[in-house]
Amino acid sequence: MAAVAAGGLALAQTFIPLDLSGGELFARYCAACHGSEARGNGPVAASLNKRVPDLTRLALDAGGEFPAQRVRETIDGRSMVIAHGTRRMPVWGYEFWVEEGADIVAEDAANAIVVRLVAYLESVQMQAAPPVAE
């Protein structure tokens, strides 16, 4: 009976420490490909068929405004439909949900993790160079 009770407690526990910052989550789940500074130069990047994007340029590449919703959807990945080929990165929303226990509580935890990652990526955006004085 004690083993069953202990097993039940284990199922209720979180597997990803939910007190991790967005930067710590990035280091744990994203830096292998995207690099510690999010520039697309992680240790795994060279072995991939496609270039890993520099995530510090997302706002610059989107006309100066950070595309938070697109970034969230890309990280989560569960609602994306790939027309040709396969997705290039893990479906992190699903991975986080499974790691957290694959239930309704896990859904909230997975969403919180994705939100922290998006906030972190917004915080590392390059700023446009100031105009050159004439």
Protein backbone atom coordinates (compact mmCIF):
# COMPACT_ATOMS: atom_id res chain seq x y z
CA MET A 1 0.00 0.00 0.00
CA ALA A 2 2.85 2.37 0.81
CA ALA A 3 4.36 1.74 -2.62
CA VAL A 4 1.06 2.64 -4.30
CA ALA A 5 0.76 5.79 -2.22
CA ALA A 6 4.36 6.74 -3.00
CA GLY A 7 3.71 6.10 -6.70
CA GLY A 8 0.68 8.37 -6.57
CA LEU A 9 2.75 11.12 -5.02
CA ALA A 10 5.39 10.72 -7.68
CA LEU A 11 2.78 11.19 -10.39
CA ALA A 12 1.61 14.43 -8.81
CA GLN A 13 5.11 15.91 -8.73
CA THR A 14 6.47 18.23 -11.36
CA PHE A 15 9.31 16.88 -13.49
CA ILE A 16 10.54 20.24 -14.78
CA PRO A 17 11.32 22.62 -11.93
CA LEU A 18 8.70 25.30 -12.51
CA ASP A 19 10.81 27.90 -10.74
CA LEU A 20 13.35 27.90 -13.57
CA SER A 21 13.71 31.23 -15.35
CA GLY A 22 13.26 31.55 -19.09
CA GLY A 23 17.03 31.72 -19.47
CA GLU A 24 17.52 28.53 -17.46
CA LEU A 25 14.82 26.77 -19.50
CA PHE A 26 16.49 27.98 -22.70
CA ALA A 27 19.86 26.65 -21.53
CA ARG A 28 18.29 23.28 -20.72
CA TYR A 29 16.10 22.75 -23.79
CA CYS A 30 17.21 25.08 -26.58
CA ALA A 31 20.91 25.94 -26.32
CA ALA A 32 22.15 22.66 -27.79
CA CYS A 33 20.89 23.82 -31.18
CA HIS A 34 20.45 27.58 -30.79
CA GLY A 35 23.58 28.23 -28.70
CA SER A 36 23.96 29.70 -25.25
CA GLU A 37 23.42 33.21 -26.63
CA ALA A 38 20.55 32.15 -28.96
CA ARG A 39 22.56 32.95 -32.10
CA GLY A 40 22.05 29.60 -33.84
CA ASN A 41 25.51 28.27 -33.11
CA GLY A 42 24.92 25.55 -30.53
CA PRO A 43 27.08 22.44 -30.47
CA VAL A 44 24.44 20.41 -32.34
CA ALA A 45 23.81 23.05 -35.03
CA ALA A 46 26.66 21.97 -37.31
CA SER A 47 25.27 18.45 -37.56
CA LEU A 48 21.82 19.57 -38.72
CA ASN A 49 20.74 19.76 -42.37
CA LYS A 50 19.13 23.20 -42.01
CA ARG A 51 20.69 26.33 -40.59
CA VAL A 52 19.57 27.01 -37.03
CA PRO A 53 18.17 30.56 -36.83
CA ASP A 54 19.69 33.36 -34.82
CA LEU A 55 16.90 33.99 -32.31
CA THR A 56 18.32 37.36 -31.28
CA ARG A 57 17.20 38.81 -34.65
CA LEU A 58 13.51 37.88 -34.52
CA ALA A 59 12.33 41.43 -33.83
CA LEU A 60 14.69 42.99 -36.38
CA ASP A 61 13.60 40.50 -39.01
CA ALA A 62 9.94 41.26 -38.23
CA GLY A 63 10.29 45.00 -38.79
CA GLY A 64 11.27 45.91 -35.24
CA GLU A 65 8.43 44.26 -33.33
CA PHE A 66 9.00 40.98 -31.50
CA PRO A 67 6.62 38.35 -32.99
CA ALA A 68 5.61 36.87 -29.62
CA GLN A 69 2.61 34.88 -30.85
CA ARG A 70 4.54 33.31 -33.73
CA VAL A 71 7.43 32.46 -31.39
CA ARG A 72 5.02 30.92 -28.88
CA GLU A 73 3.36 28.82 -31.58
CA THR A 74 6.73 27.71 -32.93
CA ILE A 75 8.02 26.64 -29.52
CA ASP A 76 4.77 24.93 -28.56
CA GLY A 77 4.42 23.36 -31.99
CA ARG A 78 1.19 21.48 -31.32
CA SER A 79 -1.02 23.62 -33.53
CA MET A 80 1.38 23.95 -36.46
CA VAL A 81 0.59 22.15 -39.69
CA ILE A 82 3.60 21.40 -41.83
CA ALA A 83 2.58 21.30 -45.51
CA HIS A 84 5.80 19.84 -46.86
CA GLY A 85 8.30 17.77 -44.96
CA THR A 86 8.70 17.54 -41.23
CA ARG A 87 9.05 19.99 -38.40
CA ARG A 88 12.66 20.99 -37.83
CA MET A 89 12.56 21.17 -34.05
CA PRO A 90 10.87 19.21 -31.27
CA VAL A 91 7.22 19.87 -30.49
CA TRP A 92 8.11 21.32 -27.10
CA GLY A 93 4.52 21.91 -25.99
CA TYR A 94 3.88 18.19 -26.26
CA GLU A 95 7.23 17.29 -24.67
CA PHE A 96 6.63 19.61 -21.70
CA TRP A 97 3.05 18.33 -21.32
CA VAL A 98 4.21 14.71 -21.24
CA GLU A 99 7.05 15.49 -18.83
CA GLU A 100 4.59 17.17 -16.50
CA GLY A 101 2.21 14.20 -16.41
CA ALA A 102 0.02 14.58 -19.53
CA ASP A 103 -3.06 15.89 -17.74
CA ILE A 104 -4.88 19.21 -17.30
CA VAL A 105 -2.40 20.40 -14.66
CA ALA A 106 0.42 19.46 -17.03
CA GLU A 107 -1.17 21.61 -19.74
CA ASP A 108 -0.96 24.66 -17.48
CA ALA A 109 2.65 23.84 -16.60
CA ALA A 110 3.60 23.35 -20.26
CA ASN A 111 2.02 26.68 -21.18
CA ALA A 112 3.86 28.42 -18.33
CA ILE A 113 7.18 27.00 -19.55
CA VAL A 114 6.52 28.20 -23.11
CA VAL A 115 5.54 31.67 -21.84
CA ARG A 116 8.84 31.91 -19.93
CA LEU A 117 10.80 30.87 -23.00
CA VAL A 118 9.03 33.48 -25.15
CA ALA A 119 9.72 36.20 -22.55
CA TYR A 120 13.37 35.19 -22.44
CA LEU A 121 13.69 35.33 -26.22
CA GLU A 122 12.08 38.76 -26.25
CA SER A 123 14.67 39.89 -23.70
CA VAL A 124 17.63 38.87 -25.90
CA GLN A 125 16.58 40.69 -29.05
CA MET A 126 19.21 42.77 -30.83
CA GLN A 127 18.41 46.41 -31.06
CA ALA A 128 18.50 48.22 -34.38
CA ALA A 129 21.62 50.28 -34.80
CA PRO A 130 20.98 53.95 -34.06
CA PRO A 131 20.93 56.23 -37.10
CA VAL A 132 24.31 57.62 -38.05
CA ALA A 133 24.57 61.36 -37.39
CA GLU A 134 25.52 63.39 -40.44
